[in-house]
Amino acid sequence: MSKAPEPEEIQAVSDEYMRKAGSTIGGNRRLSICRALGQIYVNTDDEELKLKLRYASTLARYFIYKLMEYDREWADTLCPRFRDYDKVMRKEKEKV
């Protein structure tokens, strides 16, 4: 992972990035915020919602980049592997 860009260097994620994020799912891949938003993105036809999802994904992507600069392990903890997703969600349901 490269260094997080400065705010003036941030570019919005593309439609192609969102489609790829929503379709690249495998047990070892991490379920990042961007990937979760991408899954919603590929399943909607609402263009306004797609723009909002791209915006949220852009922000999430750069927040994670910045966090990884400071603490890679903590950033990885925030993005569980797909194979661990059910365990993470079950744990959350029990707390509620």
Protein backbone atom coordinates (compact mmCIF):
# COMPACT_ATOMS: atom_id res chain seq x y z
CA MET A 1 0.00 0.00 0.00
CA SER A 2 1.40 3.33 -0.98
CA LYS A 3 1.29 6.49 1.07
CA ALA A 4 -2.09 8.21 1.30
CA PRO A 5 -2.39 11.16 -1.09
CA GLU A 6 -2.74 14.72 0.05
CA PRO A 7 -6.35 16.01 0.05
CA GLU A 8 -5.83 18.03 -3.13
CA GLU A 9 -4.62 14.87 -4.91
CA ILE A 10 -7.69 12.76 -4.12
CA GLN A 11 -9.57 11.58 -7.18
CA ALA A 12 -13.06 10.12 -7.18
CA VAL A 13 -13.21 6.39 -7.77
CA SER A 14 -14.48 5.40 -11.19
CA ASP A 15 -17.46 3.34 -12.26
CA GLU A 16 -14.99 0.61 -13.29
CA TYR A 17 -13.42 0.61 -9.80
CA MET A 18 -16.85 0.26 -8.18
CA ARG A 19 -17.86 -2.62 -10.46
CA LYS A 20 -14.56 -4.38 -9.80
CA ALA A 21 -14.80 -3.81 -6.03
CA GLY A 22 -18.27 -5.31 -6.04
CA SER A 23 -17.29 -8.38 -8.01
CA THR A 24 -13.87 -9.34 -6.60
CA ILE A 25 -15.00 -11.57 -3.78
CA GLY A 26 -12.98 -14.46 -2.43
CA GLY A 27 -12.34 -16.03 0.98
CA ASN A 28 -8.96 -14.37 1.47
CA ARG A 29 -9.99 -10.93 0.21
CA ARG A 30 -10.77 -8.33 2.81
CA LEU A 31 -14.29 -6.97 3.07
CA SER A 32 -13.36 -3.31 2.96
CA ILE A 33 -15.88 -0.52 3.10
CA CYS A 34 -15.19 0.06 -0.60
CA ARG A 35 -15.88 -3.57 -1.46
CA ALA A 36 -19.14 -3.57 0.53
CA LEU A 37 -20.25 -0.37 -1.20
CA GLY A 38 -19.23 -1.91 -4.53
CA GLN A 39 -21.54 -4.86 -3.91
CA ILE A 40 -24.45 -2.47 -3.40
CA TYR A 41 -23.34 -0.45 -6.44
CA VAL A 42 -23.45 -3.39 -8.86
CA ASN A 43 -26.94 -4.32 -7.67
CA THR A 44 -28.63 -0.96 -8.21
CA ASP A 45 -29.81 0.88 -11.31
CA ASP A 46 -30.44 4.16 -9.46
CA GLU A 47 -27.91 6.64 -10.91
CA GLU A 48 -28.19 9.07 -7.97
CA LEU A 49 -27.52 6.26 -5.51
CA LYS A 50 -24.54 5.14 -7.63
CA LEU A 51 -23.03 8.63 -7.38
CA LYS A 52 -23.47 8.63 -3.61
CA LEU A 53 -21.91 5.18 -3.35
CA ARG A 54 -18.92 6.33 -5.42
CA TYR A 55 -18.54 9.37 -3.15
CA ALA A 56 -18.69 7.24 0.01
CA SER A 57 -16.25 4.75 -1.49
CA THR A 58 -13.81 7.53 -2.40
CA LEU A 59 -13.82 8.83 1.17
CA ALA A 60 -13.55 5.36 2.69
CA ARG A 61 -10.67 4.43 0.40
CA TYR A 62 -8.56 7.38 1.45
CA PHE A 63 -9.45 7.07 5.14
CA ILE A 64 -8.22 3.47 5.06
CA TYR A 65 -5.06 4.50 3.16
CA LYS A 66 -4.31 7.08 5.84
CA LEU A 67 -5.05 4.67 8.66
CA MET A 68 -2.74 2.09 7.11
CA GLU A 69 0.11 4.61 7.22
CA TYR A 70 -0.21 4.72 11.00
CA ASP A 71 -1.35 1.24 11.98
CA ARG A 72 -1.64 -1.47 9.32
CA GLU A 73 -2.80 -4.11 11.81
CA TRP A 74 -5.67 -1.96 13.08
CA ALA A 75 -6.72 -1.13 9.51
CA ASP A 76 -6.74 -4.84 8.63
CA THR A 77 -8.90 -5.54 11.69
CA LEU A 78 -11.49 -3.07 10.39
CA CYS A 79 -11.67 -5.02 7.12
CA PRO A 80 -12.26 -8.70 7.96
CA ARG A 81 -11.61 -11.39 5.38
CA PHE A 82 -14.72 -12.59 3.53
CA ARG A 83 -14.38 -16.01 5.15
CA ASP A 84 -14.61 -14.30 8.57
CA TYR A 85 -17.51 -12.01 7.70
CA ASP A 86 -20.23 -14.21 9.22
CA LYS A 87 -18.27 -14.54 12.49
CA VAL A 88 -17.89 -10.76 12.67
CA MET A 89 -21.56 -10.13 11.98
CA ARG A 90 -22.73 -12.78 14.47
CA LYS A 91 -20.57 -11.20 17.15
CA GLU A 92 -22.15 -7.82 16.41
CA LYS A 93 -25.68 -9.23 16.57
CA GLU A 94 -25.00 -10.71 19.99
CA LYS A 95 -23.96 -7.30 21.35
CA VAL A 96 -27.21 -5.66 20.29
